[in-house]
Protein backbone atom coordinates (compact mmCIF):
# COMPACT_ATOMS: atom_id res chain seq x y z
CA MET A 1 34.28 -74.36 -118.46
CA ASP A 2 32.79 -73.63 -115.68
CA LYS A 3 34.03 -75.33 -112.54
CA ALA A 4 31.37 -75.98 -109.16
CA THR A 5 32.66 -77.61 -105.68
CA LEU A 6 31.77 -80.52 -105.04
CA THR A 7 32.31 -81.78 -101.04
CA PHE A 8 32.15 -85.36 -99.60
CA THR A 9 31.43 -85.67 -95.90
CA ASP A 10 32.18 -89.06 -95.25
CA VAL A 11 35.80 -88.11 -96.33
CA SER A 12 36.02 -84.71 -95.60
CA ILE A 13 37.03 -83.62 -98.92
CA THR A 14 35.84 -80.77 -101.02
CA VAL A 15 37.10 -80.92 -105.00
CA ASN A 16 36.63 -78.14 -107.93
CA VAL A 17 34.84 -80.19 -110.70
CA PRO A 18 34.26 -78.68 -114.11
CA THR A 19 30.80 -78.43 -114.62
CA GLY A 20 28.58 -81.60 -116.17
CA THR A 21 30.66 -83.70 -113.77
CA ARG A 22 28.70 -86.61 -112.31
CA ILE A 23 29.16 -87.56 -108.65
CA ILE A 24 30.37 -91.07 -109.48
CA GLU A 25 33.15 -89.16 -111.29
CA MET A 26 34.73 -87.62 -108.53
CA SER A 27 33.45 -89.96 -105.43
CA GLU A 28 35.62 -92.74 -106.65
CA LYS A 29 38.98 -90.24 -106.77
CA VAL A 30 38.40 -89.08 -103.45
CA GLY A 31 37.48 -92.23 -101.76
CA SER A 32 34.31 -92.23 -100.30
CA GLY A 33 31.81 -94.33 -99.27
CA ILE A 34 29.57 -93.96 -102.24
CA THR A 35 29.88 -96.85 -104.05
CA TYR A 36 28.58 -98.11 -107.55
CA GLY A 37 27.62 -101.82 -108.95
CA CYS A 38 26.75 -100.63 -112.40
CA ARG A 39 27.68 -97.33 -113.16
CA GLU A 40 24.21 -97.48 -115.88
CA GLY A 41 21.23 -96.13 -112.78
CA GLU A 42 19.62 -99.83 -112.83
CA CYS A 43 21.37 -100.88 -109.23
CA GLY A 44 20.56 -98.15 -107.16
CA THR A 45 23.86 -99.11 -105.10
CA CYS A 46 25.43 -95.50 -105.78
CA MET A 47 22.19 -93.86 -104.12
CA THR A 48 23.68 -90.21 -102.53
CA HIS A 49 22.38 -87.95 -100.13
CA ILE A 50 22.71 -84.19 -101.33
CA LEU A 51 23.10 -82.53 -98.13
CA GLU A 52 23.46 -78.98 -99.73
CA GLY A 53 22.86 -77.81 -103.33
CA ALA A 54 20.61 -79.72 -104.70
CA GLU A 55 19.94 -77.25 -107.26
CA ASN A 56 22.38 -77.28 -108.56
CA LEU A 57 22.02 -80.41 -109.79
CA SER A 58 20.68 -82.11 -113.41
CA GLU A 59 17.32 -82.93 -113.28
CA PRO A 60 16.39 -86.49 -112.17
CA THR A 61 15.20 -88.80 -115.18
CA ALA A 62 11.91 -90.52 -115.37
CA PHE A 63 13.85 -93.44 -115.27
CA GLU A 64 16.64 -92.35 -112.23
CA ILE A 65 13.18 -91.78 -110.59
CA ARG A 66 11.71 -95.15 -110.89
CA VAL A 67 14.93 -96.39 -109.79
CA LEU A 68 14.61 -94.33 -106.76
CA GLU A 69 11.58 -95.29 -105.89
CA GLU A 70 12.23 -98.87 -106.10
CA ASN A 71 15.00 -98.76 -103.40
CA LEU A 72 13.28 -96.67 -101.07
CA GLY A 73 14.99 -92.92 -102.06
CA GLY A 74 14.39 -90.34 -100.39
CA LYS A 75 13.10 -86.71 -101.73
CA ASP A 76 16.89 -85.52 -100.77
CA ASP A 77 18.37 -88.72 -102.33
CA ARG A 78 19.96 -88.89 -105.79
CA LEU A 79 21.57 -91.63 -108.21
CA ALA A 80 25.69 -91.04 -108.16
CA CYS A 81 26.45 -91.78 -111.59
CA GLN A 82 23.19 -89.86 -112.97
CA CYS A 83 23.10 -86.85 -111.98
CA ARG A 84 25.14 -83.84 -113.01
CA VAL A 85 26.63 -80.93 -110.52
CA LEU A 86 25.63 -78.27 -112.65
CA GLY A 87 27.82 -75.08 -111.12
CA GLY A 88 27.70 -73.42 -107.23
CA ALA A 89 28.40 -76.36 -104.49
CA VAL A 90 27.06 -79.51 -104.07
CA LYS A 91 27.08 -81.27 -100.41
CA VAL A 92 26.79 -84.74 -100.61
CA ARG A 93 27.06 -88.30 -98.54
CA PRO A 94 26.71 -91.89 -98.99
CA ALA A 95 22.84 -92.52 -98.52
């Protein structure tokens, strides 16, 4: 299985993750300030700002794009419960 790295700048922690890992799965484990309400992508609570490596994430679905728009997400924001790390290095912080 391929590996990727995911850095949470708010807690200064970088972890190796298997490709396909959702950001929310690791943010809980490392104690990042990326929080969640529903884990289903509906509440927008887990909005995450992508600092580096956006190209290494899964493409946003139409559903995720709509929730981001409803929650005034910027172009570098994603929902941590929806996007998966596909490889390489990704650096994030709470939005």
